[in-house]
Amino acid sequence: MDDIYQLPDRTILLRIGEKLKALRLKQNITQQSLAEAANVSISTVKKIEKGEICSFDAFLRMLRTLGKLDALQQLVEEEQLSPSEYYDMVQASKTRLRKRAVGKLNQTKREESEW
């Protein structure tokens, strides 16, 4: 497999589109029925399969319909903190408490109102 970081964006989009088309065909789903099930237009399905992913919403709906939404699992998982990271976070929040200024206003230097 190629290093994805070395591939141009266009190549990545084309490969994603080809993969989605292959998944659709493997599941014996027509473009029309995929469009209806994903609640997108048939032209959107055709564009995405050609690597023209203009609408992330439509892309997500197609992934969900094809049963491949788990491909994005890493992006939506919340990171788990280690016990030491959690401790550090709690300690840091305790030290950030605001403190009031301790001094009094100098009453003598205050300008008097003209009223």
PDB file of N, CA and C in Angstrom:
ATOM      1  N   MET A   1       0.848  -1.191   0.000  1.00  0.00           N
ATOM      2  CA  MET A   1       0.000   0.000   0.000  1.00  0.00           C
ATOM      3  C   MET A   1       0.883   1.241   0.000  1.00  0.00           C
ATOM      4  N   ASP A   2       0.436   2.234  -0.722  1.00  0.00           N
ATOM      5  CA  ASP A   2       1.157   3.508  -0.786  1.00  0.00           C
ATOM      6  C   ASP A   2       1.022   4.250   0.540  1.00  0.00           C
ATOM      7  N   ASP A   3       2.014   5.080   0.823  1.00  0.00           N
ATOM      8  CA  ASP A   3       1.928   5.957   1.983  1.00  0.00           C
ATOM      9  C   ASP A   3       0.922   7.052   1.634  1.00  0.00           C
ATOM     10  N   ILE A   4      -0.171   7.095   2.355  1.00  0.00           N
ATOM     11  CA  ILE A   4      -1.255   8.032   2.031  1.00  0.00           C
ATOM     12  C   ILE A   4      -0.787   9.484   2.089  1.00  0.00           C
ATOM     13  N   TYR A   5       0.220   9.767   2.889  1.00  0.00           N
ATOM     14  CA  TYR A   5       0.717  11.136   3.002  1.00  0.00           C
ATOM     15  C   TYR A   5       1.507  11.562   1.776  1.00  0.00           C
ATOM     16  N   GLN A   6       1.937  10.599   0.996  1.00  0.00           N
ATOM     17  CA  GLN A   6       2.688  10.907  -0.216  1.00  0.00           C
ATOM     18  C   GLN A   6       1.770  11.074  -1.432  1.00  0.00           C
ATOM     19  N   LEU A   7       0.518  10.659  -1.311  1.00  0.00           N
ATOM     20  CA  LEU A   7      -0.419  10.720  -2.439  1.00  0.00           C
ATOM     21  C   LEU A   7      -1.024  12.115  -2.571  1.00  0.00           C
ATOM     22  N   PRO A   8      -1.219  12.570  -3.796  1.00  0.00           N
ATOM     23  CA  PRO A   8      -1.933  13.845  -3.997  1.00  0.00           C
ATOM     24  C   PRO A   8      -3.402  13.691  -3.589  1.00  0.00           C
ATOM     25  N   ASP A   9      -4.013  14.793  -3.203  1.00  0.00           N
ATOM     26  CA  ASP A   9      -5.417  14.772  -2.773  1.00  0.00           C
ATOM     27  C   ASP A   9      -6.319  14.148  -3.831  1.00  0.00           C
ATOM     28  N   ARG A  10      -6.084  14.509  -5.071  1.00  0.00           N
ATOM     29  CA  ARG A  10      -6.927  14.000  -6.167  1.00  0.00           C
ATOM     30  C   ARG A  10      -6.869  12.473  -6.231  1.00  0.00           C
ATOM     31  N   THR A  11      -5.698  11.893  -6.060  1.00  0.00           N
ATOM     32  CA  THR A  11      -5.555  10.434  -6.094  1.00  0.00           C
ATOM     33  C   THR A  11      -6.310   9.792  -4.942  1.00  0.00           C
ATOM     34  N   ILE A  12      -6.234  10.407  -3.769  1.00  0.00           N
ATOM     35  CA  ILE A  12      -6.960   9.877  -2.608  1.00  0.00           C
ATOM     36  C   ILE A  12      -8.459   9.898  -2.872  1.00  0.00           C
ATOM     37  N   LEU A  13      -8.957  11.017  -3.401  1.00  0.00           N
ATOM     38  CA  LEU A  13     -10.391  11.124  -3.699  1.00  0.00           C
ATOM     39  C   LEU A  13     -10.824  10.102  -4.740  1.00  0.00           C
ATOM     40  N   LEU A  14     -10.008   9.911  -5.772  1.00  0.00           N
ATOM     41  CA  LEU A  14     -10.328   8.915  -6.800  1.00  0.00           C
ATOM     42  C   LEU A  14     -10.393   7.511  -6.212  1.00  0.00           C
ATOM     43  N   ARG A  15      -9.444   7.192  -5.353  1.00  0.00           N
ATOM     44  CA  ARG A  15      -9.428   5.859  -4.739  1.00  0.00           C
ATOM     45  C   ARG A  15     -10.636   5.646  -3.824  1.00  0.00           C
ATOM     46  N   ILE A  16     -11.010   6.682  -3.085  1.00  0.00           N
ATOM     47  CA  ILE A  16     -12.204   6.577  -2.234  1.00  0.00           C
ATOM     48  C   ILE A  16     -13.436   6.342  -3.095  1.00  0.00           C
ATOM     49  N   GLY A  17     -13.562   7.108  -4.167  1.00  0.00           N
ATOM     50  CA  GLY A  17     -14.703   6.937  -5.075  1.00  0.00           C
ATOM     51  C   GLY A  17     -14.745   5.547  -5.679  1.00  0.00           C
ATOM     52  N   GLU A  18     -13.592   5.042  -6.109  1.00  0.00           N
ATOM     53  CA  GLU A  18     -13.535   3.689  -6.684  1.00  0.00           C
ATOM     54  C   GLU A  18     -13.919   2.643  -5.653  1.00  0.00           C
ATOM     55  N   LYS A  19     -13.453   2.831  -4.427  1.00  0.00           N
ATOM     56  CA  LYS A  19     -13.766   1.889  -3.347  1.00  0.00           C
ATOM     57  C   LYS A  19     -15.258   1.875  -3.048  1.00  0.00           C
ATOM     58  N   LEU A  20     -15.872   3.048  -3.002  1.00  0.00           N
ATOM     59  CA  LEU A  20     -17.311   3.117  -2.752  1.00  0.00           C
ATOM     60  C   LEU A  20     -18.102   2.467  -3.873  1.00  0.00           C
ATOM     61  N   LYS A  21     -17.671   2.681  -5.104  1.00  0.00           N
ATOM     62  CA  LYS A  21     -18.343   2.054  -6.240  1.00  0.00           C
ATOM     63  C   LYS A  21     -18.228   0.532  -6.155  1.00  0.00           C
ATOM     64  N   ALA A  22     -17.030   0.034  -5.818  1.00  0.00           N
ATOM     65  CA  ALA A  22     -16.826  -1.404  -5.684  1.00  0.00           C
ATOM     66  C   ALA A  22     -17.699  -1.986  -4.569  1.00  0.00           C
ATOM     67  N   LEU A  23     -17.811  -1.258  -3.451  1.00  0.00           N
ATOM     68  CA  LEU A  23     -18.668  -1.713  -2.354  1.00  0.00           C
ATOM     69  C   LEU A  23     -20.128  -1.780  -2.786  1.00  0.00           C
ATOM     70  N   ARG A  24     -20.553  -0.743  -3.501  1.00  0.00           N
ATOM     71  CA  ARG A  24     -21.941  -0.705  -3.976  1.00  0.00           C
ATOM     72  C   ARG A  24     -22.215  -1.880  -4.906  1.00  0.00           C
ATOM     73  N   LEU A  25     -21.300  -2.114  -5.845  1.00  0.00           N
ATOM     74  CA  LEU A  25     -21.492  -3.213  -6.797  1.00  0.00           C
ATOM     75  C   LEU A  25     -21.430  -4.575  -6.099  1.00  0.00           C
ATOM     76  N   LYS A  26     -20.536  -4.714  -5.126  1.00  0.00           N
ATOM     77  CA  LYS A  26     -20.414  -5.958  -4.376  1.00  0.00           C
ATOM     78  C   LYS A  26     -21.702  -6.279  -3.623  1.00  0.00           C
ATOM     79  N   GLN A  27     -22.371  -5.238  -3.160  1.00  0.00           N
ATOM     80  CA  GLN A  27     -23.638  -5.401  -2.442  1.00  0.00           C
ATOM     81  C   GLN A  27     -24.827  -5.441  -3.394  1.00  0.00           C
ATOM     82  N   ASN A  28     -24.530  -5.389  -4.698  1.00  0.00           N
ATOM     83  CA  ASN A  28     -25.560  -5.462  -5.738  1.00  0.00           C
ATOM     84  C   ASN A  28     -26.617  -4.354  -5.576  1.00  0.00           C
ATOM     85  N   ILE A  29     -26.125  -3.132  -5.367  1.00  0.00           N
ATOM     86  CA  ILE A  29     -26.995  -1.968  -5.205  1.00  0.00           C
ATOM     87  C   ILE A  29     -26.792  -1.060  -6.406  1.00  0.00           C
ATOM     88  N   THR A  30     -27.871  -0.589  -6.969  1.00  0.00           N
ATOM     89  CA  THR A  30     -27.765   0.345  -8.086  1.00  0.00           C
ATOM     90  C   THR A  30     -27.489   1.746  -7.554  1.00  0.00           C
ATOM     91  N   GLN A  31     -26.994   2.602  -8.443  1.00  0.00           N
ATOM     92  CA  GLN A  31     -26.763   3.986  -8.047  1.00  0.00           C
ATOM     93  C   GLN A  31     -28.071   4.643  -7.618  1.00  0.00           C
ATOM     94  N   GLN A  32     -29.136   4.341  -8.325  1.00  0.00           N
ATOM     95  CA  GLN A  32     -30.440   4.918  -8.008  1.00  0.00           C
ATOM     96  C   GLN A  32     -30.911   4.499  -6.617  1.00  0.00           C
ATOM     97  N   SER A  33     -30.810   3.209  -6.299  1.00  0.00           N
ATOM     98  CA  SER A  33     -31.288   2.760  -4.990  1.00  0.00           C
ATOM     99  C   SER A  33     -30.377   3.275  -3.867  1.00  0.00           C
ATOM    100  N   LEU A  34     -29.080   3.393  -4.133  1.00  0.00           N
ATOM    101  CA  LEU A  34     -28.179   3.965  -3.133  1.00  0.00           C
ATOM    102  C   LEU A  34     -28.535   5.427  -2.890  1.00  0.00           C
ATOM    103  N   ALA A  35     -28.804   6.147  -3.962  1.00  0.00           N
ATOM    104  CA  ALA A  35     -29.184   7.555  -3.836  1.00  0.00           C
ATOM    105  C   ALA A  35     -30.452   7.703  -2.999  1.00  0.00           C
ATOM    106  N   GLU A  36     -31.428   6.860  -3.256  1.00  0.00           N
ATOM    107  CA  GLU A  36     -32.679   6.921  -2.503  1.00  0.00           C
ATOM    108  C   GLU A  36     -32.462   6.556  -1.038  1.00  0.00           C
ATOM    109  N   ALA A  37     -31.700   5.496  -0.786  1.00  0.00           N
ATOM    110  CA  ALA A  37     -31.468   5.045   0.593  1.00  0.00           C
ATOM    111  C   ALA A  37     -30.640   6.062   1.380  1.00  0.00           C
ATOM    112  N   ALA A  38     -29.695   6.708   0.720  1.00  0.00           N
ATOM    113  CA  ALA A  38     -28.836   7.691   1.384  1.00  0.00           C
ATOM    114  C   ALA A  38     -29.437   9.088   1.374  1.00  0.00           C
ATOM    115  N   ASN A  39     -30.572   9.237   0.724  1.00  0.00           N
ATOM    116  CA  ASN A  39     -31.262  10.522   0.620  1.00  0.00           C
ATOM    117  C   ASN A  39     -30.382  11.587  -0.038  1.00  0.00           C
ATOM    118  N   VAL A  40     -29.754  11.189  -1.149  1.00  0.00           N
ATOM    119  CA  VAL A  40     -28.964  12.110  -1.969  1.00  0.00           C
ATOM    120  C   VAL A  40     -29.411  11.935  -3.415  1.00  0.00           C
ATOM    121  N   SER A  41     -28.990  12.846  -4.268  1.00  0.00           N
ATOM    122  CA  SER A  41     -29.363  12.729  -5.681  1.00  0.00           C
ATOM    123  C   SER A  41     -28.473  11.691  -6.363  1.00  0.00           C
ATOM    124  N   ILE A  42     -28.964  11.154  -7.457  1.00  0.00           N
ATOM    125  CA  ILE A  42     -28.175  10.169  -8.206  1.00  0.00           C
ATOM    126  C   ILE A  42     -26.920  10.823  -8.783  1.00  0.00           C
ATOM    127  N   SER A  43     -27.018  12.104  -9.140  1.00  0.00           N
ATOM    128  CA  SER A  43     -25.829  12.791  -9.661  1.00  0.00           C
ATOM    129  C   SER A  43     -24.758  12.915  -8.573  1.00  0.00           C
ATOM    130  N   THR A  44     -25.173  13.061  -7.318  1.00  0.00           N
ATOM    131  CA  THR A  44     -24.226  13.111  -6.209  1.00  0.00           C
ATOM    132  C   THR A  44     -23.511  11.774  -6.069  1.00  0.00           C
ATOM    133  N   VAL A  45     -24.244  10.678  -6.181  1.00  0.00           N
ATOM    134  CA  VAL A  45     -23.637   9.344  -6.107  1.00  0.00           C
ATOM    135  C   VAL A  45     -22.614   9.188  -7.228  1.00  0.00           C
ATOM    136  N   LYS A  46     -22.985   9.587  -8.438  1.00  0.00           N
ATOM    137  CA  LYS A  46     -22.075   9.472  -9.579  1.00  0.00           C
ATOM    138  C   LYS A  46     -20.818  10.300  -9.371  1.00  0.00           C
ATOM    139  N   LYS A  47     -20.990  11.529  -8.877  1.00  0.00           N
ATOM    140  CA  LYS A  47     -19.838  12.407  -8.645  1.00  0.00           C
ATOM    141  C   LYS A  47     -18.906  11.822  -7.587  1.00  0.00           C
ATOM    142  N   ILE A  48     -19.474  11.338  -6.490  1.00  0.00           N
ATOM    143  CA  ILE A  48     -18.648  10.778  -5.413  1.00  0.00           C
ATOM    144  C   ILE A  48     -17.893   9.553  -5.910  1.00  0.00           C
ATOM    145  N   GLU A  49     -18.550   8.736  -6.716  1.00  0.00           N
ATOM    146  CA  GLU A  49     -17.880   7.552  -7.256  1.00  0.00           C
ATOM    147  C   GLU A  49     -16.759   7.922  -8.224  1.00  0.00           C
ATOM    148  N   LYS A  50     -16.813   9.137  -8.785  1.00  0.00           N
ATOM    149  CA  LYS A  50     -15.741   9.617  -9.664  1.00  0.00           C
ATOM    150  C   LYS A  50     -14.674  10.377  -8.882  1.00  0.00           C
ATOM    151  N   GLY A  51     -14.819  10.438  -7.552  1.00  0.00           N
ATOM    152  CA  GLY A  51     -13.838  11.125  -6.730  1.00  0.00           C
ATOM    153  C   GLY A  51     -14.107  12.596  -6.539  1.00  0.00           C
ATOM    154  N   GLU A  52     -15.302  13.027  -6.865  1.00  0.00           N
ATOM    155  CA  GLU A  52     -15.677  14.435  -6.695  1.00  0.00           C
ATOM    156  C   GLU A  52     -16.540  14.559  -5.440  1.00  0.00           C
ATOM    157  N   ILE A  53     -15.896  14.514  -4.288  1.00  0.00           N
ATOM    158  CA  ILE A  53     -16.617  14.547  -3.018  1.00  0.00           C
ATOM    159  C   ILE A  53     -16.767  16.003  -2.585  1.00  0.00           C
ATOM    160  N   CYS A  54     -17.871  16.608  -2.998  1.00  0.00           N
ATOM    161  CA  CYS A  54     -18.110  18.019  -2.708  1.00  0.00           C
ATOM    162  C   CYS A  54     -18.901  18.195  -1.415  1.00  0.00           C
ATOM    163  N   SER A  55     -19.733  17.219  -1.096  1.00  0.00           N
ATOM    164  CA  SER A  55     -20.590  17.320   0.081  1.00  0.00           C
ATOM    165  C   SER A  55     -20.199  16.235   1.077  1.00  0.00           C
ATOM    166  N   PHE A  56     -19.679  16.659   2.217  1.00  0.00           N
ATOM    167  CA  PHE A  56     -19.294  15.698   3.240  1.00  0.00           C
ATOM    168  C   PHE A  56     -20.531  15.017   3.810  1.00  0.00           C
ATOM    169  N   ASP A  57     -21.656  15.744   3.898  1.00  0.00           N
ATOM    170  CA  ASP A  57     -22.913  15.154   4.362  1.00  0.00           C
ATOM    171  C   ASP A  57     -23.310  13.973   3.488  1.00  0.00           C
ATOM    172  N   ALA A  58     -23.291  14.178   2.180  1.00  0.00           N
ATOM    173  CA  ALA A  58     -23.665  13.119   1.249  1.00  0.00           C
ATOM    174  C   ALA A  58     -22.696  11.947   1.361  1.00  0.00           C
ATOM    175  N   PHE A  59     -21.421  12.241   1.508  1.00  0.00           N
ATOM    176  CA  PHE A  59     -20.404  11.213   1.664  1.00  0.00           C
ATOM    177  C   PHE A  59     -20.690  10.371   2.912  1.00  0.00           C
ATOM    178  N   LEU A  60     -21.005  11.026   4.034  1.00  0.00           N
ATOM    179  CA  LEU A  60     -21.332  10.304   5.264  1.00  0.00           C
ATOM    180  C   LEU A  60     -22.582   9.444   5.096  1.00  0.00           C
ATOM    181  N   ARG A  61     -23.589   9.984   4.437  1.00  0.00           N
ATOM    182  CA  ARG A  61     -24.828   9.220   4.225  1.00  0.00           C
ATOM    183  C   ARG A  61     -24.572   7.992   3.371  1.00  0.00           C
ATOM    184  N   MET A  62     -23.720   8.135   2.352  1.00  0.00           N
ATOM    185  CA  MET A  62     -23.388   6.976   1.511  1.00  0.00           C
ATOM    186  C   MET A  62     -22.612   5.933   2.310  1.00  0.00           C
ATOM    187  N   LEU A  63     -21.642   6.361   3.110  1.00  0.00           N
ATOM    188  CA  LEU A  63     -20.892   5.422   3.945  1.00  0.00           C
ATOM    189  C   LEU A  63     -21.820   4.679   4.899  1.00  0.00           C
ATOM    190  N   ARG A  64     -22.748   5.407   5.509  1.00  0.00           N
ATOM    191  CA  ARG A  64     -23.696   4.791   6.439  1.00  0.00           C
ATOM    192  C   ARG A  64     -24.557   3.758   5.709  1.00  0.00           C
ATOM    193  N   THR A  65     -25.050   4.104   4.546  1.00  0.00           N
ATOM    194  CA  THR A  65     -25.910   3.205   3.775  1.00  0.00           C
ATOM    195  C   THR A  65     -25.162   1.957   3.331  1.00  0.00           C
ATOM    196  N   LEU A  66     -23.896   2.105   2.960  1.00  0.00           N
ATOM    197  CA  LEU A  66     -23.097   0.964   2.521  1.00  0.00           C
ATOM    198  C   LEU A  66     -22.515   0.166   3.694  1.00  0.00           C
ATOM    199  N   GLY A  67     -22.765   0.626   4.912  1.00  0.00           N
ATOM    200  CA  GLY A  67     -22.280  -0.080   6.090  1.00  0.00           C
ATOM    201  C   GLY A  67     -20.795   0.106   6.339  1.00  0.00           C
ATOM    202  N   LYS A  68     -20.235   1.217   5.905  1.00  0.00           N
ATOM    203  CA  LYS A  68     -18.798   1.467   6.059  1.00  0.00           C
ATOM    204  C   LYS A  68     -18.493   2.731   6.859  1.00  0.00           C
ATOM    205  N   LEU A  69     -19.426   3.181   7.648  1.00  0.00           N
ATOM    206  CA  LEU A  69     -19.209   4.369   8.464  1.00  0.00           C
ATOM    207  C   LEU A  69     -18.120   4.127   9.504  1.00  0.00           C
ATOM    208  N   ASP A  70     -17.897   2.865   9.845  1.00  0.00           N
ATOM    209  CA  ASP A  70     -16.854   2.537  10.819  1.00  0.00           C
ATOM    210  C   ASP A  70     -15.455   2.897  10.320  1.00  0.00           C
ATOM    211  N   ALA A  71     -15.324   3.193   9.048  1.00  0.00           N
ATOM    212  CA  ALA A  71     -14.025   3.618   8.511  1.00  0.00           C
ATOM    213  C   ALA A  71     -13.590   4.947   9.136  1.00  0.00           C
ATOM    214  N   LEU A  72     -14.535   5.685   9.689  1.00  0.00           N
ATOM    215  CA  LEU A  72     -14.236   6.973  10.311  1.00  0.00           C
ATOM    216  C   LEU A  72     -14.202   6.886  11.839  1.00  0.00           C
ATOM    217  N   GLN A  73     -14.259   5.680  12.366  1.00  0.00           N
ATOM    218  CA  GLN A  73     -14.334   5.474  13.814  1.00  0.00           C
ATOM    219  C   GLN A  73     -13.244   6.218  14.583  1.00  0.00           C
ATOM    220  N   GLN A  74     -12.010   6.137  14.124  1.00  0.00           N
ATOM    221  CA  GLN A  74     -10.906   6.802  14.827  1.00  0.00           C
ATOM    222  C   GLN A  74     -11.101   8.304  14.938  1.00  0.00           C
ATOM    223  N   LEU A  75     -11.780   8.883  13.970  1.00  0.00           N
ATOM    224  CA  LEU A  75     -11.954  10.335  13.975  1.00  0.00           C
ATOM    225  C   LEU A  75     -12.990  10.807  14.988  1.00  0.00           C
ATOM    226  N   VAL A  76     -13.912   9.928  15.387  1.00  0.00           N
ATOM    227  CA  VAL A  76     -14.974  10.351  16.289  1.00  0.00           C
ATOM    228  C   VAL A  76     -14.813   9.818  17.705  1.00  0.00           C
ATOM    229  N   GLU A  77     -13.835   8.941  17.929  1.00  0.00           N
ATOM    230  CA  GLU A  77     -13.609   8.416  19.269  1.00  0.00           C
ATOM    231  C   GLU A  77     -13.022   9.493  20.156  1.00  0.00           C
ATOM    232  N   GLU A  78     -13.466   9.505  21.405  1.00  0.00           N
ATOM    233  CA  GLU A  78     -12.882  10.411  22.375  1.00  0.00           C
ATOM    234  C   GLU A  78     -11.623   9.759  22.921  1.00  0.00           C
ATOM    235  N   GLU A  79     -10.595  10.547  23.057  1.00  0.00           N
ATOM    236  CA  GLU A  79      -9.343  10.013  23.569  1.00  0.00           C
ATOM    237  C   GLU A  79      -9.472   9.750  25.060  1.00  0.00           C
ATOM    238  N   GLN A  80      -8.951   8.609  25.494  1.00  0.00           N
ATOM    239  CA  GLN A  80      -8.969   8.245  26.903  1.00  0.00           C
ATOM    240  C   GLN A  80      -7.724   8.819  27.580  1.00  0.00           C
ATOM    241  N   LEU A  81      -7.926   9.428  28.715  1.00  0.00           N
ATOM    242  CA  LEU A  81      -6.803   9.969  29.468  1.00  0.00           C
ATOM    243  C   LEU A  81      -6.215   8.884  30.355  1.00  0.00           C
ATOM    244  N   SER A  82      -4.904   8.888  30.457  1.00  0.00           N
ATOM    245  CA  SER A  82      -4.258   7.976  31.401  1.00  0.00           C
ATOM    246  C   SER A  82      -4.488   8.534  32.805  1.00  0.00           C
ATOM    247  N   PRO A  83      -4.343   7.726  33.845  1.00  0.00           N
ATOM    248  CA  PRO A  83      -4.531   8.242  35.212  1.00  0.00           C
ATOM    249  C   PRO A  83      -3.627   9.434  35.527  1.00  0.00           C
ATOM    250  N   SER A  84      -2.396   9.399  35.033  1.00  0.00           N
ATOM    251  CA  SER A  84      -1.496  10.526  35.315  1.00  0.00           C
ATOM    252  C   SER A  84      -1.927  11.784  34.557  1.00  0.00           C
ATOM    253  N   GLU A  85      -2.429  11.620  33.334  1.00  0.00           N
ATOM    254  CA  GLU A  85      -2.920  12.778  32.575  1.00  0.00           C
ATOM    255  C   GLU A  85      -4.145  13.378  33.257  1.00  0.00           C
ATOM    256  N   TYR A  86      -5.027  12.510  33.770  1.00  0.00           N
ATOM    257  CA  TYR A  86      -6.226  12.973  34.475  1.00  0.00           C
ATOM    258  C   TYR A  86      -5.822  13.737  35.743  1.00  0.00           C
ATOM    259  N   TYR A  87      -4.873  13.185  36.488  1.00  0.00           N
ATOM    260  CA  TYR A  87      -4.383  13.840  37.708  1.00  0.00           C
ATOM    261  C   TYR A  87      -3.810  15.216  37.371  1.00  0.00           C
ATOM    262  N   ASP A  88      -2.971  15.276  36.341  1.00  0.00           N
ATOM    263  CA  ASP A  88      -2.378  16.548  35.933  1.00  0.00           C
ATOM    264  C   ASP A  88      -3.441  17.564  35.545  1.00  0.00           C
ATOM    265  N   MET A  89      -4.485  17.105  34.839  1.00  0.00           N
ATOM    266  CA  MET A  89      -5.555  17.997  34.417  1.00  0.00           C
ATOM    267  C   MET A  89      -6.307  18.547  35.632  1.00  0.00           C
ATOM    268  N   VAL A  90      -6.601  17.685  36.619  1.00  0.00           N
ATOM    269  CA  VAL A  90      -7.305  18.123  37.822  1.00  0.00           C
ATOM    270  C   VAL A  90      -6.454  19.117  38.599  1.00  0.00           C
ATOM    271  N   GLN A  91      -5.171  18.825  38.743  1.00  0.00           N
ATOM    272  CA  GLN A  91      -4.285  19.721  39.477  1.00  0.00           C
ATOM    273  C   GLN A  91      -4.164  21.069  38.775  1.00  0.00           C
ATOM    274  N   ALA A  92      -4.101  21.056  37.460  1.00  0.00           N
ATOM    275  CA  ALA A  92      -3.996  22.302  36.704  1.00  0.00           C
ATOM    276  C   ALA A  92      -5.251  23.152  36.872  1.00  0.00           C
ATOM    277  N   SER A  93      -6.413  22.517  36.928  1.00  0.00           N
ATOM    278  CA  SER A  93      -7.656  23.292  37.081  1.00  0.00           C
ATOM    279  C   SER A  93      -7.751  23.901  38.479  1.00  0.00           C
ATOM    280  N   LYS A  94      -7.164  23.264  39.469  1.00  0.00           N
ATOM    281  CA  LYS A  94      -7.189  23.808  40.827  1.00  0.00           C
ATOM    282  C   LYS A  94      -6.320  25.053  40.948  1.00  0.00           C
ATOM    283  N   THR A  95      -5.237  25.099  40.218  1.00  0.00           N
ATOM    284  CA  THR A  95      -4.326  26.236  40.326  1.00  0.00           C
ATOM    285  C   THR A  95      -4.784  27.429  39.502  1.00  0.00           C
ATOM    286  N   ARG A  96      -5.754  27.242  38.676  1.00  0.00           N
ATOM    287  CA  ARG A  96      -6.213  28.336  37.811  1.00  0.00           C
ATOM    288  C   ARG A  96      -7.308  29.189  38.448  1.00  0.00           C
ATOM    289  N   LEU A  97      -7.638  28.937  39.711  1.00  0.00           N
ATOM    290  CA  LEU A  97      -8.704  29.712  40.341  1.00  0.00           C
ATOM    291  C   LEU A  97      -8.321  31.182  40.388  1.00  0.00           C
ATOM    292  N   ARG A  98      -9.287  32.030  40.067  1.00  0.00           N
ATOM    293  CA  ARG A  98      -9.042  33.467  40.080  1.00  0.00           C
ATOM    294  C   ARG A  98      -8.962  33.980  41.499  1.00  0.00           C
ATOM    295  N   LYS A  99      -8.090  34.878  41.688  1.00  0.00           N
ATOM    296  CA  LYS A  99      -7.968  35.492  43.007  1.00  0.00           C
ATOM    297  C   LYS A  99      -8.306  36.975  42.886  1.00  0.00           C
ATOM    298  N   ARG A 100      -8.890  37.486  43.951  1.00  0.00           N
ATOM    299  CA  ARG A 100      -9.228  38.906  43.967  1.00  0.00           C
ATOM    300  C   ARG A 100      -7.982  39.735  44.243  1.00  0.00           C
ATOM    301  N   ALA A 101      -8.030  40.919  43.697  1.00  0.00           N
ATOM    302  CA  ALA A 101      -6.927  41.843  43.963  1.00  0.00           C
ATOM    303  C   ALA A 101      -6.947  42.224  45.439  1.00  0.00           C
ATOM    304  N   VAL A 102      -5.809  42.324  46.049  1.00  0.00           N
ATOM    305  CA  VAL A 102      -5.749  42.609  47.488  1.00  0.00           C
ATOM    306  C   VAL A 102      -5.482  44.069  47.705  1.00  0.00           C
ATOM    307  N   GLY A 103      -5.502  44.954  47.514  1.00  0.00           N
ATOM    308  CA  GLY A 103      -5.176  46.338  47.723  1.00  0.00           C
ATOM    309  C   GLY A 103      -6.423  47.172  47.669  1.00  0.00           C
ATOM    310  N   LYS A 104      -6.291  48.355  48.278  1.00  0.00           N
ATOM    311  CA  LYS A 104      -7.423  49.292  48.270  1.00  0.00           C
ATOM    312  C   LYS A 104      -7.123  50.395  47.275  1.00  0.00           C
ATOM    313  N   LEU A 105      -8.159  50.992  46.783  1.00  0.00           N
ATOM    314  CA  LEU A 105      -7.971  52.124  45.882  1.00  0.00           C
ATOM    315  C   LEU A 105      -7.418  53.305  46.660  1.00  0.00           C
ATOM    316  N   ASN A 106      -6.558  54.003  46.062  1.00  0.00           N
ATOM    317  CA  ASN A 106      -5.997  55.187  46.692  1.00  0.00           C
ATOM    318  C   ASN A 106      -7.039  56.296  46.596  1.00  0.00           C
ATOM    319  N   GLN A 107      -7.677  56.567  47.697  1.00  0.00           N
ATOM    320  CA  GLN A 107      -8.771  57.529  47.714  1.00  0.00           C
ATOM    321  C   GLN A 107      -8.312  58.961  47.446  1.00  0.00           C
ATOM    322  N   THR A 108      -7.109  59.278  47.769  1.00  0.00           N
ATOM    323  CA  THR A 108      -6.666  60.663  47.636  1.00  0.00           C
ATOM    324  C   THR A 108      -6.358  61.037  46.202  1.00  0.00           C
ATOM    325  N   LYS A 109      -5.954  60.104  45.385  1.00  0.00           N
ATOM    326  CA  LYS A 109      -5.586  60.428  44.017  1.00  0.00           C
ATOM    327  C   LYS A 109      -6.785  60.370  43.072  1.00  0.00           C
ATOM    328  N   ARG A 110      -7.943  60.026  43.564  1.00  0.00           N
ATOM    329  CA  ARG A 110      -9.113  59.910  42.727  1.00  0.00           C
ATOM    330  C   ARG A 110      -9.601  61.300  42.316  1.00  0.00           C
ATOM    331  N   GLU A 111      -9.857  61.460  41.029  1.00  0.00           N
ATOM    332  CA  GLU A 111     -10.332  62.759  40.554  1.00  0.00           C
ATOM    333  C   GLU A 111     -11.761  62.994  41.023  1.00  0.00           C
ATOM    334  N   GLU A 112     -12.018  64.218  41.365  1.00  0.00           N
ATOM    335  CA  GLU A 112     -13.353  64.527  41.802  1.00  0.00           C
ATOM    336  C   GLU A 112     -14.218  64.868  40.603  1.00  0.00           C
ATOM    337  N   SER A 113     -15.447  64.515  40.721  1.00  0.00           N
ATOM    338  CA  SER A 113     -16.392  64.763  39.643  1.00  0.00           C
ATOM    339  C   SER A 113     -16.759  66.229  39.589  1.00  0.00           C
ATOM    340  N   GLU A 114     -17.057  66.713  38.419  1.00  0.00           N
ATOM    341  CA  GLU A 114     -17.443  68.114  38.257  1.00  0.00           C
ATOM    342  C   GLU A 114     -18.912  68.319  38.588  1.00  0.00           C
ATOM    343  N   TRP A 115     -19.596  67.300  38.904  1.00  0.00           N
ATOM    344  CA  TRP A 115     -21.015  67.445  39.198  1.00  0.00           C
ATOM    345  C   TRP A 115     -21.194  67.985  40.525  1.00  0.00           C
TER     346      TRP A 115
END
